[in-house]
Protein backbone atom coordinates (compact mmCIF):
# COMPACT_ATOMS: atom_id res chain seq x y z
CA MET A 1 15.42 -4.17 19.71
CA GLN A 2 12.98 -6.66 18.63
CA HIS A 3 13.14 -8.65 21.87
CA LEU A 4 12.47 -5.39 23.76
CA VAL A 5 9.41 -4.67 21.97
CA GLN A 6 8.55 -8.69 23.30
CA ASP A 7 9.29 -7.64 26.89
CA PHE A 8 6.96 -4.61 26.35
CA ILE A 9 4.21 -6.74 24.89
CA ASN A 10 4.64 -9.06 28.03
CA TYR A 11 4.13 -5.95 30.19
CA LEU A 12 1.12 -4.75 28.51
CA SER A 13 -0.45 -8.58 28.61
CA ILE A 14 0.49 -9.41 32.37
CA GLU A 15 0.47 -6.25 34.04
CA ARG A 16 -2.26 -4.34 32.14
CA ASN A 17 -4.33 -7.23 31.16
CA LEU A 18 -4.82 -5.76 27.59
CA SER A 19 -6.83 -7.70 24.71
CA GLY A 20 -5.48 -9.68 22.14
CA ASN A 21 -6.75 -7.24 19.31
CA THR A 22 -5.03 -4.55 21.60
CA LEU A 23 -1.84 -6.37 21.89
CA GLU A 24 -1.54 -7.13 18.06
CA ALA A 25 -2.10 -3.50 17.25
CA TYR A 26 0.77 -2.73 19.53
CA ARG A 27 2.94 -5.24 18.19
CA ASN A 28 2.15 -4.52 14.57
CA ASP A 29 2.83 -0.71 15.05
CA LEU A 30 6.14 -1.35 16.99
CA ASN A 31 7.42 -3.87 14.67
CA ARG A 32 7.34 -1.72 12.06
CA TYR A 33 8.52 0.99 14.03
CA CYS A 34 12.05 -1.28 14.97
CA GLN A 35 12.21 -2.21 11.19
CA PHE A 36 12.21 1.50 10.44
CA LEU A 37 15.30 2.12 13.21
CA GLN A 38 16.87 -0.76 11.91
CA ASP A 39 17.24 0.58 7.81
CA GLU A 40 17.98 4.23 9.67
CA GLY A 41 20.86 2.28 11.56
CA VAL A 42 19.41 2.63 15.02
CA LYS A 43 20.77 -0.37 17.24
CA ARG A 44 20.16 0.67 20.62
CA PRO A 45 17.37 2.57 22.08
CA ASP A 46 19.57 4.99 23.78
CA GLN A 47 20.51 6.27 20.00
CA ILE A 48 16.74 7.11 19.49
CA ASP A 49 16.02 11.17 19.67
CA ILE A 50 13.24 13.22 18.34
CA SER A 51 14.03 13.48 15.09
CA ILE A 52 13.90 10.22 14.18
CA ILE A 53 10.68 9.28 15.90
CA GLN A 54 9.30 12.57 14.02
CA LYS A 55 10.47 11.20 10.70
CA PHE A 56 9.09 7.98 11.36
CA ILE A 57 5.86 9.32 11.82
CA ASN A 58 6.01 11.81 8.78
CA THR A 59 6.92 8.72 6.66
CA LEU A 60 3.79 7.06 7.69
CA ALA A 61 1.42 10.38 7.06
CA ASP A 62 3.17 10.42 3.49
CA LEU A 63 2.26 6.89 2.70
CA GLY A 64 -1.36 7.51 3.18
CA LEU A 65 -2.02 6.03 6.85
CA VAL A 66 -4.97 7.55 8.29
CA ALA A 67 -5.31 10.02 11.20
CA SER A 68 -6.36 7.54 13.55
CA SER A 69 -3.58 5.10 12.95
CA LEU A 70 -0.82 7.92 13.12
CA SER A 71 -2.01 8.55 16.68
CA ARG A 72 -1.98 5.18 17.35
CA ASN A 73 1.16 4.90 16.29
CA PHE A 74 2.50 7.43 18.06
CA SER A 75 0.90 6.67 21.13
CA SER A 76 2.35 2.88 20.71
CA ILE A 77 5.83 4.78 20.31
CA ARG A 78 5.29 6.86 23.54
CA SER A 79 4.13 4.02 25.81
CA PHE A 80 7.12 1.59 24.53
CA HIS A 81 9.72 4.41 25.31
CA LYS A 82 8.12 5.26 28.29
CA PHE A 83 8.37 1.48 29.52
CA LEU A 84 12.00 1.47 28.63
CA VAL A 85 12.64 4.28 30.75
CA GLY A 86 10.69 2.39 33.70
CA GLU A 87 12.83 -0.56 33.12
CA ASN A 88 15.84 1.48 33.59
CA LEU A 89 17.36 0.82 30.19
CA VAL A 90 17.49 4.45 29.04
CA ARG A 91 17.48 7.36 30.91
CA GLU A 92 14.98 9.65 28.70
CA ASN A 93 11.28 9.06 27.04
CA PRO A 94 12.33 10.76 23.43
CA ALA A 95 8.77 11.00 22.79
CA GLU A 96 7.77 12.54 25.94
CA MET A 97 8.55 16.40 24.64
CA LEU A 98 7.16 15.26 21.38
CA GLN A 99 3.50 16.71 20.37
CA SER A 100 0.74 14.45 18.91
CA PRO A 101 1.90 14.12 15.13
CA ARG A 102 1.55 17.05 12.85
CA LEU A 103 -0.89 16.12 10.34
CA PRO A 104 -1.24 17.14 6.88
CA ALA A 105 -4.31 20.12 6.17
CA ARG A 106 -6.07 17.18 3.92
CA LEU A 107 -5.39 13.49 4.76
CA PRO A 108 -5.82 11.47 2.11
CA LYS A 109 -9.31 9.44 1.75
CA ILE A 110 -9.36 5.78 1.91
CA LEU A 111 -11.86 3.40 1.14
CA GLU A 112 -12.94 0.48 3.62
CA LEU A 113 -12.23 -2.73 2.55
CA SER A 114 -16.03 -3.48 2.65
CA GLU A 115 -16.32 -0.49 0.06
CA ILE A 116 -13.94 -2.06 -2.19
CA ASP A 117 -15.66 -5.28 -1.93
CA ALA A 118 -19.15 -3.23 -3.07
CA ILE A 119 -17.22 -1.19 -5.87
CA MET A 120 -15.79 -4.69 -7.35
CA ALA A 121 -19.12 -6.44 -6.95
CA ALA A 122 -20.99 -3.44 -8.74
CA ILE A 123 -19.53 -4.46 -12.17
CA ASP A 124 -20.93 -6.73 -14.14
CA ILE A 125 -18.33 -9.10 -15.43
CA ASN A 126 -20.68 -10.68 -17.91
CA THR A 127 -19.96 -8.22 -20.41
CA ASN A 128 -16.62 -7.06 -22.21
CA LYS A 129 -16.83 -3.50 -20.21
CA GLY A 130 -17.25 -4.99 -17.28
CA ILE A 131 -14.57 -7.70 -17.55
CA ARG A 132 -12.18 -4.73 -18.42
CA ASP A 133 -13.14 -2.26 -15.52
CA ARG A 134 -13.13 -5.39 -13.17
CA ALA A 135 -9.47 -5.64 -14.25
CA ILE A 136 -8.47 -2.11 -14.10
CA ILE A 137 -9.89 -1.39 -10.80
CA GLU A 138 -8.24 -5.18 -9.41
CA THR A 139 -5.23 -3.63 -11.08
CA LEU A 140 -5.14 -0.09 -9.04
CA TYR A 141 -6.16 -1.57 -5.86
CA SER A 142 -3.78 -4.69 -5.94
CA THR A 143 -0.65 -2.40 -7.09
CA GLY A 144 -0.85 1.23 -5.74
CA VAL A 145 0.25 2.42 -8.94
CA ARG A 146 -0.91 5.95 -10.27
CA VAL A 147 -3.55 6.43 -12.71
CA SER A 148 -0.76 8.01 -15.10
CA GLU A 149 1.26 4.71 -14.47
CA LEU A 150 -1.77 2.50 -15.05
CA THR A 151 -2.82 3.72 -18.39
CA SER A 152 0.99 3.56 -19.97
CA LEU A 153 1.35 0.27 -18.81
CA GLU A 154 2.16 -2.01 -21.65
CA MET A 155 1.64 -5.71 -22.43
CA SER A 156 5.21 -6.57 -22.25
CA HIS A 157 5.16 -4.72 -18.61
CA VAL A 158 2.83 -7.68 -17.13
CA TYR A 159 4.93 -10.59 -16.22
CA PHE A 160 2.05 -13.29 -15.01
CA ARG A 161 5.22 -15.99 -14.16
CA HIS A 162 6.15 -13.77 -11.22
CA ASN A 163 2.94 -11.73 -10.59
CA VAL A 164 4.52 -8.43 -10.96
CA ILE A 165 4.32 -5.27 -13.27
CA ARG A 166 7.24 -3.04 -14.76
CA VAL A 167 5.93 0.38 -13.85
CA PHE A 168 7.62 3.69 -14.96
CA GLY A 169 7.02 6.64 -12.35
CA LYS A 170 7.52 10.03 -12.00
CA GLY A 171 10.95 10.97 -13.78
CA SER A 172 10.73 7.97 -15.75
CA LYS A 173 11.96 5.65 -12.74
CA GLU A 174 11.15 2.32 -13.29
CA ARG A 175 10.31 -0.12 -10.01
CA ILE A 176 8.53 -3.66 -9.95
CA VAL A 177 5.26 -3.87 -8.60
CA PRO A 178 3.72 -7.05 -7.23
CA PHE A 179 -0.17 -8.15 -8.14
CA GLY A 180 -2.21 -10.48 -6.28
CA GLU A 181 -4.00 -13.52 -7.32
CA ARG A 182 -7.43 -12.21 -7.77
CA ALA A 183 -5.71 -9.04 -9.93
CA LYS A 184 -4.10 -11.77 -12.14
CA SER A 185 -7.17 -13.52 -12.85
CA TYR A 186 -9.44 -10.76 -13.94
CA LEU A 187 -6.19 -9.45 -16.38
CA LYS A 188 -6.06 -12.34 -17.82
CA ASN A 189 -9.46 -12.85 -18.46
CA TYR A 190 -9.26 -9.23 -19.68
CA ILE A 191 -6.07 -9.71 -22.05
CA THR A 192 -7.71 -13.13 -23.77
CA ALA A 193 -11.28 -12.13 -23.94
CA VAL A 194 -11.60 -8.56 -24.35
CA ARG A 195 -8.58 -6.69 -25.21
CA SER A 196 -8.29 -8.73 -28.31
CA LEU A 197 -11.69 -7.78 -29.52
CA LEU A 198 -11.09 -4.23 -28.81
CA ARG A 199 -7.42 -4.05 -30.46
CA ARG A 200 -7.46 -1.74 -33.51
CA GLY A 201 -3.77 -2.39 -34.79
CA THR A 202 -1.30 0.54 -34.65
CA LYS A 203 -3.86 2.75 -33.06
CA SER A 204 -4.04 0.37 -29.78
CA GLY A 205 0.04 -0.36 -29.92
CA ASP A 206 1.19 -2.37 -27.18
CA ILE A 207 -0.90 -0.38 -24.57
CA LEU A 208 -2.74 -2.89 -21.77
CA PHE A 209 -5.68 -0.85 -21.11
CA LEU A 210 -8.04 0.38 -24.07
CA ASN A 211 -11.07 2.16 -24.20
CA MET A 212 -14.30 0.84 -26.21
CA ARG A 213 -12.99 1.97 -29.12
CA GLY A 214 -9.79 0.30 -29.32
CA THR A 215 -7.27 3.06 -28.57
CA PRO A 216 -5.17 3.73 -25.30
CA LEU A 217 -7.35 4.43 -22.09
CA SER A 218 -6.97 8.17 -20.62
CA ARG A 219 -6.57 9.04 -17.00
CA MET A 220 -10.01 10.89 -17.28
CA GLY A 221 -11.48 7.28 -18.63
CA VAL A 222 -10.24 5.66 -15.66
CA TRP A 223 -11.80 8.14 -13.47
CA LYS A 224 -15.28 8.04 -15.10
CA ILE A 225 -15.05 4.16 -14.72
CA ILE A 226 -14.60 4.24 -11.10
CA GLN A 227 -17.57 7.22 -10.44
CA GLN A 228 -19.63 4.86 -12.52
CA TYR A 229 -19.32 1.85 -9.73
CA VAL A 230 -18.83 4.18 -6.95
CA LYS A 231 -22.55 5.36 -7.60
CA LEU A 232 -23.64 2.09 -8.60
CA ALA A 233 -21.96 1.11 -4.93
CA ASP A 234 -23.82 3.54 -3.33
CA ILE A 235 -20.74 4.96 -1.88
CA ARG A 236 -21.12 8.62 -0.86
CA LYS A 237 -17.45 9.40 -0.71
CA GLN A 238 -15.64 11.46 -3.28
CA VAL A 239 -13.34 8.51 -4.68
CA SER A 240 -10.76 9.07 -7.63
CA PRO A 241 -7.94 6.50 -8.76
CA HIS A 242 -5.51 8.02 -6.21
CA VAL A 243 -7.82 7.04 -3.40
CA PHE A 244 -7.08 3.07 -4.34
CA ARG A 245 -3.79 4.23 -3.98
CA HIS A 246 -4.03 5.40 -0.51
CA SER A 247 -6.09 2.52 0.23
CA PHE A 248 -3.56 0.04 -0.96
CA ALA A 249 -1.03 1.60 1.24
CA THR A 250 -2.94 2.05 4.40
CA HIS A 251 -4.36 -1.43 4.39
CA LEU A 252 -0.79 -2.95 3.88
CA LEU A 253 0.61 -1.01 6.56
CA GLU A 254 -1.99 -1.74 8.82
CA GLY A 255 -1.73 -5.33 8.35
CA GLY A 256 1.38 -5.04 9.40
CA ALA A 257 3.50 -4.88 6.26
CA ASN A 258 7.36 -3.39 6.01
CA LEU A 259 7.62 0.31 5.92
CA ARG A 260 10.44 -0.25 3.10
CA ALA A 261 8.98 -2.75 1.31
CA VAL A 262 5.62 -0.43 0.63
CA GLN A 263 7.75 2.68 -0.02
CA GLU A 264 9.52 1.03 -2.94
CA MET A 265 5.89 -0.53 -4.27
CA LEU A 266 4.81 2.85 -4.10
CA GLY A 267 7.82 4.44 -6.03
CA HIS A 268 8.43 7.03 -2.87
CA SER A 269 11.99 6.11 -2.30
CA ASP A 270 14.95 6.15 -5.16
CA ILE A 271 15.21 2.80 -5.70
CA SER A 272 15.48 2.51 -9.24
CA THR A 273 14.71 -1.15 -10.74
CA THR A 274 16.03 -1.89 -14.22
CA GLN A 275 16.41 -5.58 -14.57
CA ILE A 276 13.43 -7.40 -13.55
CA TYR A 277 15.05 -11.04 -13.32
CA THR A 278 18.08 -9.65 -11.24
CA HIS A 279 16.22 -7.37 -8.81
CA LEU A 280 17.76 -8.94 -5.18
CA ASP A 281 14.28 -7.67 -3.41
CA ARG A 282 11.78 -9.05 -5.85
CA GLU A 283 10.98 -12.28 -4.17
CA TYR A 284 10.69 -10.33 -1.08
CA LEU A 285 8.27 -7.73 -1.96
CA ILE A 286 6.13 -10.36 -3.38
CA GLU A 287 5.92 -12.43 -0.02
CA GLN A 288 5.17 -9.00 1.85
CA HIS A 289 2.44 -8.19 -0.76
CA ARG A 290 1.16 -11.83 -0.50
CA THR A 291 0.95 -11.96 3.39
CA PHE A 292 -0.64 -8.69 3.80
CA HIS A 293 -2.95 -7.48 0.80
CA PRO A 294 -6.35 -8.58 2.19
CA ARG A 295 -7.19 -9.18 -1.86
CA TYR A 296 -4.48 -11.17 -2.96
CA LYS A 297 -6.47 -14.39 -2.92
């Protein structure tokens, strides 16, 4: 299928004279589509039907892709299949009778990268509280974890050698999630310079993120921290911890990350990771994160 995508890109470049940025957008959308088809066991274009395309679009919507990106993906797929018909490679265009994606009533909000940078810049990392808060927000955005997963993270769940954390999600399902170098730096600084000062024996336990009284940080505590810096950054959007999760997924996918890898990082699949050192896809997930996350370095 990939060679057909390349033929289509060549057609768009030569016959339609599209810009380099537009061609790259088509390429990213269709490469991700082809990966999805491969994962679904589809090997030939004549095996694709409406239900498969709809499933792909729905999957993107579930992962938090914004409306404009969903529409662009759908347009890319429809144009690609129209090209295949024109080249007599298939008889019908399975996307022709499919209407524009039925989007959720409320698409998840996301932050632009400039807004995330502004929030980070608003944190005073010359204070203990600022060091902790920067580590919290960097971790939220670098990993895409749910706030409940963040607050339940334990010291023993962080593996700096491999740049991954072990997360226990819904239904106590375990997964391995990579984090970037920036998050690693701020996490290390928090653990060595601040957490040791906040720790209050058994009250703290092994929980990674503590409040200023030395007890485990609550979900409401994380929400209040975010509100403080959103206000300082003069961002008018309603920003919750979950917005960082949606932003994480959207930015990775729009950058061209593999759909299945992002699904596993978010914990939307049934894949359950139980042994960190024997997980076959660990290095692949880390590479996907390193390549496509805008704040990895």
